[in-house]
């Protein structure tokens, strides 16, 4: 067990039993692809009659998982895979417009 100098001193000098607990780290192992896929599906279900155009970057910034503080390459990659899954299942269609991929619920 690794403890810092303050924790070690408290453990050594305390007149009663002491338990040292470190705070839980956020679960970074969550499936981000499934997170983004579910978030997009929820958006489409909440607005069933709306014509929706999405990009990978928009989705990554619109639906930030609680375990993320910033959107990085990992989140953008997961967003891309989630959108492609939705294309494969027929929920969205993919269009390339001037070099940018857009996903539409048409």
C-alpha atoms as a PDB file:
ATOM      1  CA  UNK A   1       0.000   0.000   0.000  1.00  0.00           C
ATOM      2  CA  UNK A   2       1.328   3.385  -0.958  1.00  0.00           C
ATOM      3  CA  UNK A   3       0.507   6.347   1.228  1.00  0.00           C
ATOM      4  CA  UNK A   4       1.768   9.894   1.428  1.00  0.00           C
ATOM      5  CA  UNK A   5       3.722  11.384   4.313  1.00  0.00           C
ATOM      6  CA  UNK A   6       0.633  12.915   5.980  1.00  0.00           C
ATOM      7  CA  UNK A   7      -1.324   9.647   5.811  1.00  0.00           C
ATOM      8  CA  UNK A   8       1.631   7.703   7.142  1.00  0.00           C
ATOM      9  CA  UNK A   9       2.056  10.135  10.062  1.00  0.00           C
ATOM     10  CA  UNK A  10      -1.663   9.928  10.968  1.00  0.00           C
ATOM     11  CA  UNK A  11      -1.523   6.125  10.863  1.00  0.00           C
ATOM     12  CA  UNK A  12       1.540   6.066  13.093  1.00  0.00           C
ATOM     13  CA  UNK A  13       0.428   8.665  15.674  1.00  0.00           C
ATOM     14  CA  UNK A  14      -3.330   8.070  15.912  1.00  0.00           C
ATOM     15  CA  UNK A  15      -4.460   6.740  19.335  1.00  0.00           C
ATOM     16  CA  UNK A  16      -7.251   4.733  17.676  1.00  0.00           C
ATOM     17  CA  UNK A  17      -7.600   2.510  14.607  1.00  0.00           C
ATOM     18  CA  UNK A  18      -7.502   4.520  11.369  1.00  0.00           C
ATOM     19  CA  UNK A  19      -8.429   3.537   7.854  1.00  0.00           C
ATOM     20  CA  UNK A  20      -6.934   5.516   4.971  1.00  0.00           C
ATOM     21  CA  UNK A  21      -9.110   5.613   1.869  1.00  0.00           C
ATOM     22  CA  UNK A  22      -8.273   7.201  -1.441  1.00  0.00           C
ATOM     23  CA  UNK A  23     -11.031   8.742  -3.553  1.00  0.00           C
ATOM     24  CA  UNK A  24     -12.431   6.629  -6.363  1.00  0.00           C
ATOM     25  CA  UNK A  25     -11.034   7.378  -9.778  1.00  0.00           C
ATOM     26  CA  UNK A  26     -13.562   7.963 -12.539  1.00  0.00           C
ATOM     27  CA  UNK A  27     -14.338   4.850 -14.555  1.00  0.00           C
ATOM     28  CA  UNK A  28     -12.426   5.490 -17.765  1.00  0.00           C
ATOM     29  CA  UNK A  29     -13.146   1.998 -19.031  1.00  0.00           C
ATOM     30  CA  UNK A  30     -16.744   2.773 -19.960  1.00  0.00           C
ATOM     31  CA  UNK A  31     -17.679   2.054 -23.535  1.00  0.00           C
ATOM     32  CA  UNK A  32     -17.643   5.491 -25.129  1.00  0.00           C
ATOM     33  CA  UNK A  33     -18.938   4.167 -28.433  1.00  0.00           C
ATOM     34  CA  UNK A  34     -22.067   2.845 -26.715  1.00  0.00           C
ATOM     35  CA  UNK A  35     -22.355   6.119 -24.749  1.00  0.00           C
ATOM     36  CA  UNK A  36     -22.407   8.258 -27.892  1.00  0.00           C
ATOM     37  CA  UNK A  37     -24.636   5.821 -29.759  1.00  0.00           C
ATOM     38  CA  UNK A  38     -27.234   5.911 -26.964  1.00  0.00           C
ATOM     39  CA  UNK A  39     -26.995   9.706 -26.712  1.00  0.00           C
ATOM     40  CA  UNK A  40     -27.676  10.180 -30.427  1.00  0.00           C
ATOM     41  CA  UNK A  41     -30.566   7.702 -30.317  1.00  0.00           C
ATOM     42  CA  UNK A  42     -32.072   9.616 -27.380  1.00  0.00           C
ATOM     43  CA  UNK A  43     -31.778  12.872 -29.305  1.00  0.00           C
ATOM     44  CA  UNK A  44     -33.535  11.377 -32.307  1.00  0.00           C
ATOM     45  CA  UNK A  45     -36.275   9.846 -30.141  1.00  0.00           C
ATOM     46  CA  UNK A  46     -36.917  13.158 -28.363  1.00  0.00           C
ATOM     47  CA  UNK A  47     -37.382  14.907 -31.720  1.00  0.00           C
ATOM     48  CA  UNK A  48     -38.825  12.218 -34.018  1.00  0.00           C
ATOM     49  CA  UNK A  49     -40.101  14.629 -36.687  1.00  0.00           C
ATOM     50  CA  UNK A  50     -37.000  16.827 -36.793  1.00  0.00           C
ATOM     51  CA  UNK A  51     -34.552  16.633 -39.686  1.00  0.00           C
ATOM     52  CA  UNK A  52     -31.216  16.268 -37.907  1.00  0.00           C
ATOM     53  CA  UNK A  53     -27.765  16.768 -39.396  1.00  0.00           C
ATOM     54  CA  UNK A  54     -24.837  15.775 -37.200  1.00  0.00           C
ATOM     55  CA  UNK A  55     -21.064  15.791 -37.523  1.00  0.00           C
ATOM     56  CA  UNK A  56     -18.559  13.835 -35.486  1.00  0.00           C
ATOM     57  CA  UNK A  57     -17.284  16.973 -33.743  1.00  0.00           C
ATOM     58  CA  UNK A  58     -20.778  18.277 -32.947  1.00  0.00           C
ATOM     59  CA  UNK A  59     -21.781  14.982 -31.341  1.00  0.00           C
ATOM     60  CA  UNK A  60     -18.561  14.811 -29.304  1.00  0.00           C
ATOM     61  CA  UNK A  61     -19.130  18.316 -27.922  1.00  0.00           C
ATOM     62  CA  UNK A  62     -22.901  18.011 -27.534  1.00  0.00           C
ATOM     63  CA  UNK A  63     -22.778  14.796 -25.494  1.00  0.00           C
ATOM     64  CA  UNK A  64     -19.748  14.903 -23.208  1.00  0.00           C
ATOM     65  CA  UNK A  65     -19.574  11.784 -20.984  1.00  0.00           C
ATOM     66  CA  UNK A  66     -19.436  12.485 -17.239  1.00  0.00           C
ATOM     67  CA  UNK A  67     -15.963  10.902 -17.034  1.00  0.00           C
ATOM     68  CA  UNK A  68     -14.472  13.383 -19.513  1.00  0.00           C
ATOM     69  CA  UNK A  69     -13.281  16.877 -18.772  1.00  0.00           C
ATOM     70  CA  UNK A  70     -12.289  17.685 -22.359  1.00  0.00           C
ATOM     71  CA  UNK A  71     -13.043  16.205 -25.748  1.00  0.00           C
ATOM     72  CA  UNK A  72      -9.951  14.629 -27.241  1.00  0.00           C
ATOM     73  CA  UNK A  73      -8.950  12.126 -29.895  1.00  0.00           C
ATOM     74  CA  UNK A  74     -10.348   9.234 -27.882  1.00  0.00           C
ATOM     75  CA  UNK A  75     -13.799  10.819 -27.705  1.00  0.00           C
ATOM     76  CA  UNK A  76     -13.748  11.847 -31.378  1.00  0.00           C
ATOM     77  CA  UNK A  77     -12.814   8.307 -32.402  1.00  0.00           C
ATOM     78  CA  UNK A  78     -15.601   6.847 -30.276  1.00  0.00           C
ATOM     79  CA  UNK A  79     -18.053   9.341 -31.750  1.00  0.00           C
ATOM     80  CA  UNK A  80     -17.055   8.343 -35.268  1.00  0.00           C
ATOM     81  CA  UNK A  81     -17.511   4.629 -34.513  1.00  0.00           C
ATOM     82  CA  UNK A  82     -20.879   5.282 -32.841  1.00  0.00           C
ATOM     83  CA  UNK A  83     -22.154   7.248 -35.823  1.00  0.00           C
ATOM     84  CA  UNK A  84     -20.961   4.518 -38.200  1.00  0.00           C
ATOM     85  CA  UNK A  85     -22.808   1.924 -36.102  1.00  0.00           C
ATOM     86  CA  UNK A  86     -25.962   3.997 -36.457  1.00  0.00           C
ATOM     87  CA  UNK A  87     -25.400   4.132 -40.218  1.00  0.00           C
ATOM     88  CA  UNK A  88     -24.947   0.342 -40.316  1.00  0.00           C
ATOM     89  CA  UNK A  89     -28.198  -0.181 -38.416  1.00  0.00           C
ATOM     90  CA  UNK A  90     -30.118   2.189 -40.701  1.00  0.00           C
ATOM     91  CA  UNK A  91     -30.783   4.870 -38.084  1.00  0.00           C
ATOM     92  CA  UNK A  92     -28.633   7.472 -39.879  1.00  0.00           C
ATOM     93  CA  UNK A  93     -27.333   8.063 -43.385  1.00  0.00           C
ATOM     94  CA  UNK A  94     -23.845   9.288 -44.167  1.00  0.00           C
ATOM     95  CA  UNK A  95     -23.100  12.056 -46.676  1.00  0.00           C
ATOM     96  CA  UNK A  96     -19.790  13.625 -47.555  1.00  0.00           C
ATOM     97  CA  UNK A  97     -20.156  17.352 -48.145  1.00  0.00           C
ATOM     98  CA  UNK A  98     -17.047  19.296 -49.179  1.00  0.00           C
ATOM     99  CA  UNK A  99     -14.735  16.891 -47.370  1.00  0.00           C
ATOM    100  CA  UNK A 100     -16.800  16.743 -44.178  1.00  0.00           C
ATOM    101  CA  UNK A 101     -18.841  13.706 -43.240  1.00  0.00           C
ATOM    102  CA  UNK A 102     -22.359  14.469 -42.112  1.00  0.00           C
ATOM    103  CA  UNK A 103     -24.890  12.111 -40.628  1.00  0.00           C
ATOM    104  CA  UNK A 104     -28.577  12.612 -41.321  1.00  0.00           C
ATOM    105  CA  UNK A 105     -31.725  10.957 -39.998  1.00  0.00           C
ATOM    106  CA  UNK A 106     -33.469  11.204 -43.371  1.00  0.00           C
END
